[in-house]
Amino acid sequence: MIQIKTQEEIEQLRQSALMVGDTLAEVAKHIKAGITTKQLDAIAEEYIRSNGGIPTFKGYSGFPASLCISINEVVVHGIPGDRVIKDGDIVSIDCGVTYNGWVGDSAYTFALQGVREDWKQLIKVTKESLYLGIEKCTIGNRIGDLSNQIQTYCQSFGYGVVRELCGHGLGRNMHEDPSVPNYGKKGTGSRFREGMVIAIEPMITLGNKEVFFESDGWTCRTRDFSPAAHIEHDVAITANGPEILSSFDSVEKAIKQNINLEEI
């Protein structure tokens, strides 16, 4: 059942979503060749807790960390550990924060210095598809309109659109109804209503759409080992159109200030 939020509840969700953005920005300050994903995860957990939040991911269905950190061919749900980040990598970081009982959930894909131009283009198109999808989040439209917009745009570049994972409703729980796929047909799915809040998260590959899951049950990789990008915003459906609750402002400011990262 889709949970409709009041304006007050949407404002609470906004605070959680903004804390996610600030956490991603704090992590972005430290991304460089030679750092491990486990070190970045520790930075995130410290930042979240010191600001009164709870890392939503940690312990969720047994997930052992505060961040999902997915490098290159890992699409999503990479478990932080001893893997060392290198120049030329792309690093997708997904973060969830519970603050005052409400969950924010956002993701961004970072590019290390020396990254290939076609990998940078993948990130750029994935981000563009997110905003094109958000434009469809108006009262009366359906989820399939959003899904089809993302799919059509990304496939026009020859990219793969992952089917096995999708966006979702958001509220007091990280995963609520409805599911929000990144592929589909116009005019299908739940109709958007005022007060709905969803997390939209294109997961797009440079190769084909096929993925597989590692034996840890979490790590999702492209089957052809092509790189993947993942970018996510939290969006409220309002009478005046879609309202993005999360923000990349502090993230992109941190990217500009980190000489180890490339702007997309």
C-alpha atoms as a PDB file:
ATOM      1  CA  MET A   1       0.000   0.000   0.000  1.00  0.00           C
ATOM      2  CA  ILE A   2       1.372   3.419  -0.971  1.00  0.00           C
ATOM      3  CA  GLN A   3       1.792   5.710   2.018  1.00  0.00           C
ATOM      4  CA  ILE A   4       0.733   9.315   1.429  1.00  0.00           C
ATOM      5  CA  LYS A   5       2.749  11.868   3.414  1.00  0.00           C
ATOM      6  CA  THR A   6       1.623  15.177   4.866  1.00  0.00           C
ATOM      7  CA  GLN A   7       3.622  18.338   4.171  1.00  0.00           C
ATOM      8  CA  GLU A   8       5.072  18.110   7.672  1.00  0.00           C
ATOM      9  CA  GLU A   9       6.175  14.532   7.055  1.00  0.00           C
ATOM     10  CA  ILE A  10       7.724  15.522   3.722  1.00  0.00           C
ATOM     11  CA  GLU A  11       9.747  18.183   5.535  1.00  0.00           C
ATOM     12  CA  GLN A  12      10.998  15.517   7.954  1.00  0.00           C
ATOM     13  CA  LEU A  13      11.993  13.363   4.983  1.00  0.00           C
ATOM     14  CA  ARG A  14      13.787  16.331   3.463  1.00  0.00           C
ATOM     15  CA  GLN A  15      15.965  16.692   6.566  1.00  0.00           C
ATOM     16  CA  SER A  16      16.982  13.034   6.335  1.00  0.00           C
ATOM     17  CA  ALA A  17      17.641  13.295   2.604  1.00  0.00           C
ATOM     18  CA  LEU A  18      19.784  16.404   3.042  1.00  0.00           C
ATOM     19  CA  MET A  19      21.840  14.654   5.701  1.00  0.00           C
ATOM     20  CA  VAL A  20      22.531  11.894   3.175  1.00  0.00           C
ATOM     21  CA  GLY A  21      23.823  14.500   0.716  1.00  0.00           C
ATOM     22  CA  ASP A  22      26.058  16.040   3.357  1.00  0.00           C
ATOM     23  CA  THR A  23      27.372  12.581   4.246  1.00  0.00           C
ATOM     24  CA  LEU A  24      28.194  11.862   0.614  1.00  0.00           C
ATOM     25  CA  ALA A  25      29.963  15.236   0.462  1.00  0.00           C
ATOM     26  CA  GLU A  26      32.038  14.402   3.530  1.00  0.00           C
ATOM     27  CA  VAL A  27      33.030  11.093   1.968  1.00  0.00           C
ATOM     28  CA  ALA A  28      33.815  12.827  -1.341  1.00  0.00           C
ATOM     29  CA  LYS A  29      36.430  14.961   0.391  1.00  0.00           C
ATOM     30  CA  HIS A  30      38.431  11.808   1.147  1.00  0.00           C
ATOM     31  CA  ILE A  31      38.113   9.822  -2.087  1.00  0.00           C
ATOM     32  CA  LYS A  32      41.550   9.286  -3.609  1.00  0.00           C
ATOM     33  CA  ALA A  33      43.739   6.552  -5.022  1.00  0.00           C
ATOM     34  CA  GLY A  34      45.047   4.367  -2.211  1.00  0.00           C
ATOM     35  CA  ILE A  35      42.123   4.666   0.200  1.00  0.00           C
ATOM     36  CA  THR A  36      40.054   1.571   0.963  1.00  0.00           C
ATOM     37  CA  THR A  37      36.305   1.347   0.782  1.00  0.00           C
ATOM     38  CA  LYS A  38      36.286   0.362   4.467  1.00  0.00           C
ATOM     39  CA  GLN A  39      37.999   3.642   5.368  1.00  0.00           C
ATOM     40  CA  LEU A  40      35.368   5.631   3.480  1.00  0.00           C
ATOM     41  CA  ASP A  41      32.619   3.706   5.242  1.00  0.00           C
ATOM     42  CA  ALA A  42      34.085   4.607   8.639  1.00  0.00           C
ATOM     43  CA  ILE A  43      34.116   8.287   7.663  1.00  0.00           C
ATOM     44  CA  ALA A  44      30.438   8.104   6.717  1.00  0.00           C
ATOM     45  CA  GLU A  45      29.336   6.330   9.877  1.00  0.00           C
ATOM     46  CA  GLU A  46      31.180   8.813  12.083  1.00  0.00           C
ATOM     47  CA  TYR A  47      29.638  11.752  10.241  1.00  0.00           C
ATOM     48  CA  ILE A  48      26.087  10.349  10.381  1.00  0.00           C
ATOM     49  CA  ARG A  49      26.205   9.506  14.072  1.00  0.00           C
ATOM     50  CA  SER A  50      27.894  12.767  15.070  1.00  0.00           C
ATOM     51  CA  ASN A  51      25.025  14.644  13.415  1.00  0.00           C
ATOM     52  CA  GLY A  52      22.319  12.726  15.248  1.00  0.00           C
ATOM     53  CA  GLY A  53      21.484  10.260  12.504  1.00  0.00           C
ATOM     54  CA  ILE A  54      21.512   6.488  12.251  1.00  0.00           C
ATOM     55  CA  PRO A  55      23.131   4.666   9.298  1.00  0.00           C
ATOM     56  CA  THR A  56      20.049   3.026   7.787  1.00  0.00           C
ATOM     57  CA  PHE A  57      21.972   0.447   5.780  1.00  0.00           C
ATOM     58  CA  LYS A  58      23.967  -0.952   8.694  1.00  0.00           C
ATOM     59  CA  GLY A  59      22.252  -4.140   9.806  1.00  0.00           C
ATOM     60  CA  TYR A  60      19.511  -3.832   7.169  1.00  0.00           C
ATOM     61  CA  SER A  61      18.739  -7.455   6.251  1.00  0.00           C
ATOM     62  CA  GLY A  62      22.207  -8.228   7.606  1.00  0.00           C
ATOM     63  CA  PHE A  63      24.141  -5.680   5.523  1.00  0.00           C
ATOM     64  CA  PRO A  64      27.363  -5.038   7.466  1.00  0.00           C
ATOM     65  CA  ALA A  65      28.168  -1.406   6.633  1.00  0.00           C
ATOM     66  CA  SER A  66      26.866   2.169   6.488  1.00  0.00           C
ATOM     67  CA  LEU A  67      27.533   2.637   2.775  1.00  0.00           C
ATOM     68  CA  CYS A  68      27.232   0.575  -0.363  1.00  0.00           C
ATOM     69  CA  ILE A  69      30.422   1.273  -2.332  1.00  0.00           C
ATOM     70  CA  SER A  70      30.459  -0.124  -5.854  1.00  0.00           C
ATOM     71  CA  ILE A  71      33.521   0.238  -8.078  1.00  0.00           C
ATOM     72  CA  ASN A  72      33.591  -0.027 -11.879  1.00  0.00           C
ATOM     73  CA  GLU A  73      31.753  -3.231 -12.865  1.00  0.00           C
ATOM     74  CA  VAL A  74      29.941  -3.451  -9.512  1.00  0.00           C
ATOM     75  CA  VAL A  75      26.487  -1.983 -10.105  1.00  0.00           C
ATOM     76  CA  VAL A  76      25.218  -1.670  -6.532  1.00  0.00           C
ATOM     77  CA  HIS A  77      25.462  -3.076  -3.005  1.00  0.00           C
ATOM     78  CA  GLY A  78      29.238  -3.369  -2.899  1.00  0.00           C
ATOM     79  CA  ILE A  79      30.299  -4.199   0.664  1.00  0.00           C
ATOM     80  CA  PRO A  80      33.059  -1.916   2.011  1.00  0.00           C
ATOM     81  CA  GLY A  81      36.261  -3.793   2.757  1.00  0.00           C
ATOM     82  CA  ASP A  82      39.913  -3.888   1.809  1.00  0.00           C
ATOM     83  CA  ARG A  83      39.469  -3.032  -1.870  1.00  0.00           C
ATOM     84  CA  VAL A  84      41.708  -0.081  -2.718  1.00  0.00           C
ATOM     85  CA  ILE A  85      40.422   2.704  -4.957  1.00  0.00           C
ATOM     86  CA  LYS A  86      42.644   3.489  -7.937  1.00  0.00           C
ATOM     87  CA  ASP A  87      43.025   6.354 -10.396  1.00  0.00           C
ATOM     88  CA  GLY A  88      40.698   5.811 -13.338  1.00  0.00           C
ATOM     89  CA  ASP A  89      38.023   4.088 -11.240  1.00  0.00           C
ATOM     90  CA  ILE A  90      34.404   5.127 -11.050  1.00  0.00           C
ATOM     91  CA  VAL A  91      32.960   4.721  -7.566  1.00  0.00           C
ATOM     92  CA  SER A  92      29.222   4.610  -6.864  1.00  0.00           C
ATOM     93  CA  ILE A  93      28.346   5.398  -3.255  1.00  0.00           C
ATOM     94  CA  ASP A  94      24.843   4.771  -1.920  1.00  0.00           C
ATOM     95  CA  CYS A  95      23.912   6.032   1.551  1.00  0.00           C
ATOM     96  CA  GLY A  96      20.879   5.871   3.810  1.00  0.00           C
ATOM     97  CA  VAL A  97      20.254   7.940   6.934  1.00  0.00           C
ATOM     98  CA  THR A  98      17.457   7.622   9.464  1.00  0.00           C
ATOM     99  CA  TYR A  99      16.863  10.930  11.236  1.00  0.00           C
ATOM    100  CA  ASN A 100      13.953  11.581  13.593  1.00  0.00           C
ATOM    101  CA  GLY A 101      12.400   8.334  12.389  1.00  0.00           C
ATOM    102  CA  TRP A 102      12.452   9.163   8.675  1.00  0.00           C
ATOM    103  CA  VAL A 103      14.740   7.714   6.012  1.00  0.00           C
ATOM    104  CA  GLY A 104      16.774   9.524   3.350  1.00  0.00           C
ATOM    105  CA  ASP A 105      18.388   7.475   0.587  1.00  0.00           C
ATOM    106  CA  SER A 106      20.622   8.864  -2.149  1.00  0.00           C
ATOM    107  CA  ALA A 107      23.530   7.789  -4.344  1.00  0.00           C
ATOM    108  CA  TYR A 108      26.206   9.378  -6.535  1.00  0.00           C
ATOM    109  CA  THR A 109      28.871   8.032  -8.874  1.00  0.00           C
ATOM    110  CA  PHE A 110      32.324   9.625  -8.572  1.00  0.00           C
ATOM    111  CA  ALA A 111      35.094   9.581 -11.186  1.00  0.00           C
ATOM    112  CA  LEU A 112      38.768   9.383 -10.191  1.00  0.00           C
ATOM    113  CA  GLN A 113      41.360  11.315 -12.149  1.00  0.00           C
ATOM    114  CA  GLY A 114      42.341   9.525 -15.348  1.00  0.00           C
ATOM    115  CA  VAL A 115      38.934   7.964 -15.915  1.00  0.00           C
ATOM    116  CA  ARG A 116      38.089   6.998 -19.499  1.00  0.00           C
ATOM    117  CA  GLU A 117      35.952   9.450 -21.445  1.00  0.00           C
ATOM    118  CA  ASP A 118      33.323   6.830 -22.265  1.00  0.00           C
ATOM    119  CA  TRP A 119      32.999   6.040 -18.553  1.00  0.00           C
ATOM    120  CA  LYS A 120      32.510   9.743 -17.790  1.00  0.00           C
ATOM    121  CA  GLN A 121      29.830   9.874 -20.473  1.00  0.00           C
ATOM    122  CA  LEU A 122      28.054   6.929 -18.821  1.00  0.00           C
ATOM    123  CA  ILE A 123      27.876   8.840 -15.532  1.00  0.00           C
ATOM    124  CA  LYS A 124      26.684  11.990 -17.287  1.00  0.00           C
ATOM    125  CA  VAL A 125      23.894  10.195 -19.134  1.00  0.00           C
ATOM    126  CA  THR A 126      22.816   8.301 -16.006  1.00  0.00           C
ATOM    127  CA  LYS A 127      22.482  11.596 -14.142  1.00  0.00           C
ATOM    128  CA  GLU A 128      20.616  13.195 -17.037  1.00  0.00           C
ATOM    129  CA  SER A 129      18.214  10.247 -17.162  1.00  0.00           C
ATOM    130  CA  LEU A 130      17.447  10.719 -13.463  1.00  0.00           C
ATOM    131  CA  TYR A 131      16.350  14.320 -13.991  1.00  0.00           C
ATOM    132  CA  LEU A 132      14.394  13.424 -17.132  1.00  0.00           C
ATOM    133  CA  GLY A 133      12.582  10.777 -15.118  1.00  0.00           C
ATOM    134  CA  ILE A 134      11.846  13.235 -12.318  1.00  0.00           C
ATOM    135  CA  GLU A 135      10.131  15.530 -14.844  1.00  0.00           C
ATOM    136  CA  LYS A 136       7.505  12.815 -15.328  1.00  0.00           C
ATOM    137  CA  CYS A 137       6.577  12.775 -11.618  1.00  0.00           C
ATOM    138  CA  THR A 138       3.460  14.892 -11.956  1.00  0.00           C
ATOM    139  CA  ILE A 139       0.002  14.181 -10.616  1.00  0.00           C
ATOM    140  CA  GLY A 140      -1.917  12.077 -13.127  1.00  0.00           C
ATOM    141  CA  ASN A 141       1.140  10.528 -14.746  1.00  0.00           C
ATOM    142  CA  ARG A 142       2.087   6.950 -13.953  1.00  0.00           C
ATOM    143  CA  ILE A 143       5.283   5.273 -12.802  1.00  0.00           C
ATOM    144  CA  GLY A 144       5.623   3.680 -16.231  1.00  0.00           C
ATOM    145  CA  ASP A 145       5.966   7.164 -17.726  1.00  0.00           C
ATOM    146  CA  LEU A 146       8.989   7.816 -15.512  1.00  0.00           C
ATOM    147  CA  SER A 147      10.414   4.330 -16.108  1.00  0.00           C
ATOM    148  CA  ASN A 148      10.059   4.558 -19.868  1.00  0.00           C
ATOM    149  CA  GLN A 149      11.705   7.976 -19.944  1.00  0.00           C
ATOM    150  CA  ILE A 150      14.824   6.660 -18.182  1.00  0.00           C
ATOM    151  CA  GLN A 151      14.965   3.511 -20.281  1.00  0.00           C
ATOM    152  CA  THR A 152      14.471   5.253 -23.622  1.00  0.00           C
ATOM    153  CA  TYR A 153      17.067   7.921 -22.928  1.00  0.00           C
ATOM    154  CA  CYS A 154      19.765   5.534 -21.707  1.00  0.00           C
ATOM    155  CA  GLN A 155      19.160   2.977 -24.448  1.00  0.00           C
ATOM    156  CA  SER A 156      19.497   5.731 -27.064  1.00  0.00           C
ATOM    157  CA  PHE A 157      23.199   5.762 -26.097  1.00  0.00           C
ATOM    158  CA  GLY A 158      23.431   1.981 -26.366  1.00  0.00           C
ATOM    159  CA  TYR A 159      23.585   1.495 -22.587  1.00  0.00           C
ATOM    160  CA  GLY A 160      22.121  -1.365 -20.582  1.00  0.00           C
ATOM    161  CA  VAL A 161      19.298  -0.708 -18.109  1.00  0.00           C
ATOM    162  CA  VAL A 162      19.446  -3.103 -15.154  1.00  0.00           C
ATOM    163  CA  ARG A 163      16.183  -4.971 -14.555  1.00  0.00           C
ATOM    164  CA  GLU A 164      16.840  -6.840 -11.306  1.00  0.00           C
ATOM    165  CA  LEU A 165      16.856  -3.770  -9.038  1.00  0.00           C
ATOM    166  CA  CYS A 166      14.733  -0.637  -8.925  1.00  0.00           C
ATOM    167  CA  GLY A 167      13.756   2.463  -6.987  1.00  0.00           C
ATOM    168  CA  HIS A 168      11.061   2.476  -4.323  1.00  0.00           C
ATOM    169  CA  GLY A 169       8.746   4.388  -2.070  1.00  0.00           C
ATOM    170  CA  LEU A 170      10.341   6.056   0.946  1.00  0.00           C
ATOM    171  CA  GLY A 171       9.193   7.077   4.400  1.00  0.00           C
ATOM    172  CA  ARG A 172       9.666   5.683   7.882  1.00  0.00           C
ATOM    173  CA  ASN A 173      10.967   2.586   6.119  1.00  0.00           C
ATOM    174  CA  MET A 174      13.648   2.581   3.444  1.00  0.00           C
ATOM    175  CA  HIS A 175      11.664   0.397   1.084  1.00  0.00           C
ATOM    176  CA  GLU A 176       7.973   1.143   0.746  1.00  0.00           C
ATOM    177  CA  ASP A 177       5.486   0.801  -2.083  1.00  0.00           C
ATOM    178  CA  PRO A 178       5.551   1.462  -4.950  1.00  0.00           C
ATOM    179  CA  SER A 179       8.453  -0.126  -6.808  1.00  0.00           C
ATOM    180  CA  VAL A 180      10.021   2.300  -9.290  1.00  0.00           C
ATOM    181  CA  PRO A 181      11.711   0.435 -12.177  1.00  0.00           C
ATOM    182  CA  ASN A 182      14.095   2.126 -14.591  1.00  0.00           C
ATOM    183  CA  TYR A 183      12.355   0.467 -17.538  1.00  0.00           C
ATOM    184  CA  GLY A 184       8.744   0.054 -18.565  1.00  0.00           C
ATOM    185  CA  LYS A 185       5.843   1.173 -20.725  1.00  0.00           C
ATOM    186  CA  LYS A 186       4.180   4.560 -20.734  1.00  0.00           C
ATOM    187  CA  GLY A 187       0.774   4.655 -19.126  1.00  0.00           C
ATOM    188  CA  THR A 188       1.355   1.669 -16.832  1.00  0.00           C
ATOM    189  CA  GLY A 189       1.901   1.332 -13.105  1.00  0.00           C
ATOM    190  CA  SER A 190       0.599   3.306 -10.143  1.00  0.00           C
ATOM    191  CA  ARG A 191      -0.670   6.803 -10.795  1.00  0.00           C
ATOM    192  CA  PHE A 192       1.213   9.625  -9.073  1.00  0.00           C
ATOM    193  CA  ARG A 193      -0.705  11.276  -6.243  1.00  0.00           C
ATOM    194  CA  GLU A 194       0.069  14.283  -4.116  1.00  0.00           C
ATOM    195  CA  GLY A 195       2.036  13.253  -1.035  1.00  0.00           C
ATOM    196  CA  MET A 196       3.814  10.267  -2.569  1.00  0.00           C
ATOM    197  CA  VAL A 197       7.568  10.141  -1.914  1.00  0.00           C
ATOM    198  CA  ILE A 198       9.817   7.927  -4.010  1.00  0.00           C
ATOM    199  CA  ALA A 199      13.507   7.207  -4.467  1.00  0.00           C
ATOM    200  CA  ILE A 200      14.440   7.181  -8.154  1.00  0.00           C
ATOM    201  CA  GLU A 201      17.760   5.483  -8.917  1.00  0.00           C
ATOM    202  CA  PRO A 202      18.878   4.680 -12.464  1.00  0.00           C
ATOM    203  CA  MET A 203      21.408   1.813 -12.560  1.00  0.00           C
ATOM    204  CA  ILE A 204      22.932   1.922 -16.009  1.00  0.00           C
ATOM    205  CA  THR A 205      25.716  -0.098 -17.640  1.00  0.00           C
ATOM    206  CA  LEU A 206      28.135   0.665 -20.463  1.00  0.00           C
ATOM    207  CA  GLY A 207      27.568  -2.844 -21.826  1.00  0.00           C
ATOM    208  CA  ASN A 208      24.488  -5.030 -21.788  1.00  0.00           C
ATOM    209  CA  LYS A 209      21.900  -5.153 -19.022  1.00  0.00           C
ATOM    210  CA  GLU A 210      22.774  -8.588 -17.639  1.00  0.00           C
ATOM    211  CA  VAL A 211      24.009  -8.767 -14.031  1.00  0.00           C
ATOM    212  CA  PHE A 212      24.847 -11.428 -11.467  1.00  0.00           C
ATOM    213  CA  PHE A 213      25.118 -11.505  -7.682  1.00  0.00           C
ATOM    214  CA  GLU A 214      28.229 -12.595  -5.823  1.00  0.00           C
ATOM    215  CA  SER A 215      28.148 -15.358  -3.219  1.00  0.00           C
ATOM    216  CA  ASP A 216      27.911 -12.737  -0.448  1.00  0.00           C
ATOM    217  CA  GLY A 217      24.302 -12.212  -1.552  1.00  0.00           C
ATOM    218  CA  TRP A 218      24.748  -8.464  -1.976  1.00  0.00           C
ATOM    219  CA  THR A 219      27.380  -7.483  -4.540  1.00  0.00           C
ATOM    220  CA  CYS A 220      25.736  -7.018  -7.948  1.00  0.00           C
ATOM    221  CA  ARG A 221      28.103  -6.984 -10.958  1.00  0.00           C
ATOM    222  CA  THR A 222      27.633  -6.642 -14.685  1.00  0.00           C
ATOM    223  CA  ARG A 223      27.887 -10.025 -16.371  1.00  0.00           C
ATOM    224  CA  ASP A 224      30.133  -8.640 -19.121  1.00  0.00           C
ATOM    225  CA  PHE A 225      32.217  -6.738 -16.525  1.00  0.00           C
ATOM    226  CA  SER A 226      31.451  -3.409 -18.166  1.00  0.00           C
ATOM    227  CA  PRO A 227      31.301  -0.402 -15.786  1.00  0.00           C
ATOM    228  CA  ALA A 228      28.030   0.804 -14.286  1.00  0.00           C
ATOM    229  CA  ALA A 229      26.765   4.078 -12.834  1.00  0.00           C
ATOM    230  CA  HIS A 230      24.163   4.644 -10.108  1.00  0.00           C
ATOM    231  CA  ILE A 231      22.645   8.001  -9.156  1.00  0.00           C
ATOM    232  CA  GLU A 232      19.649   8.496  -6.846  1.00  0.00           C
ATOM    233  CA  HIS A 233      17.367  11.272  -5.623  1.00  0.00           C
ATOM    234  CA  ASP A 234      14.406  11.336  -3.229  1.00  0.00           C
ATOM    235  CA  VAL A 235      11.375  13.042  -4.773  1.00  0.00           C
ATOM    236  CA  ALA A 236       8.024  14.195  -3.386  1.00  0.00           C
ATOM    237  CA  ILE A 237       4.971  14.466  -5.640  1.00  0.00           C
ATOM    238  CA  THR A 238       3.281  17.825  -5.039  1.00  0.00           C
ATOM    239  CA  ALA A 239       0.467  19.850  -6.565  1.00  0.00           C
ATOM    240  CA  ASN A 240       3.151  22.067  -8.107  1.00  0.00           C
ATOM    241  CA  GLY A 241       5.094  19.187  -9.642  1.00  0.00           C
ATOM    242  CA  PRO A 242       7.975  17.022  -8.450  1.00  0.00           C
ATOM    243  CA  GLU A 243      10.067  18.328  -5.566  1.00  0.00           C
ATOM    244  CA  ILE A 244      13.572  16.919  -5.078  1.00  0.00           C
ATOM    245  CA  LEU A 245      14.166  16.436  -1.348  1.00  0.00           C
ATOM    246  CA  SER A 246      17.777  15.289  -1.573  1.00  0.00           C
ATOM    247  CA  SER A 247      20.588  17.479  -2.905  1.00  0.00           C
ATOM    248  CA  PHE A 248      23.893  17.084  -4.717  1.00  0.00           C
ATOM    249  CA  ASP A 249      24.972  20.692  -4.050  1.00  0.00           C
ATOM    250  CA  SER A 250      27.402  19.889  -1.240  1.00  0.00           C
ATOM    251  CA  VAL A 251      28.552  16.743  -3.074  1.00  0.00           C
ATOM    252  CA  GLU A 252      29.466  18.623  -6.224  1.00  0.00           C
ATOM    253  CA  LYS A 253      31.151  21.380  -4.226  1.00  0.00           C
ATOM    254  CA  ALA A 254      33.327  18.706  -2.590  1.00  0.00           C
ATOM    255  CA  ILE A 255      34.148  17.239  -6.013  1.00  0.00           C
ATOM    256  CA  LYS A 256      35.356  20.638  -7.232  1.00  0.00           C
ATOM    257  CA  GLN A 257      37.641  20.921  -4.196  1.00  0.00           C
ATOM    258  CA  ASN A 258      39.099  17.405  -4.432  1.00  0.00           C
ATOM    259  CA  ILE A 259      41.954  17.305  -6.961  1.00  0.00           C
ATOM    260  CA  ASN A 260      41.638  13.505  -7.080  1.00  0.00           C
ATOM    261  CA  LEU A 261      38.143  13.660  -8.617  1.00  0.00           C
ATOM    262  CA  GLU A 262      36.948  14.725 -12.049  1.00  0.00           C
ATOM    263  CA  GLU A 263      33.852  16.819 -12.588  1.00  0.00           C
ATOM    264  CA  ILE A 264      31.239  15.287 -14.870  1.00  0.00           C
END
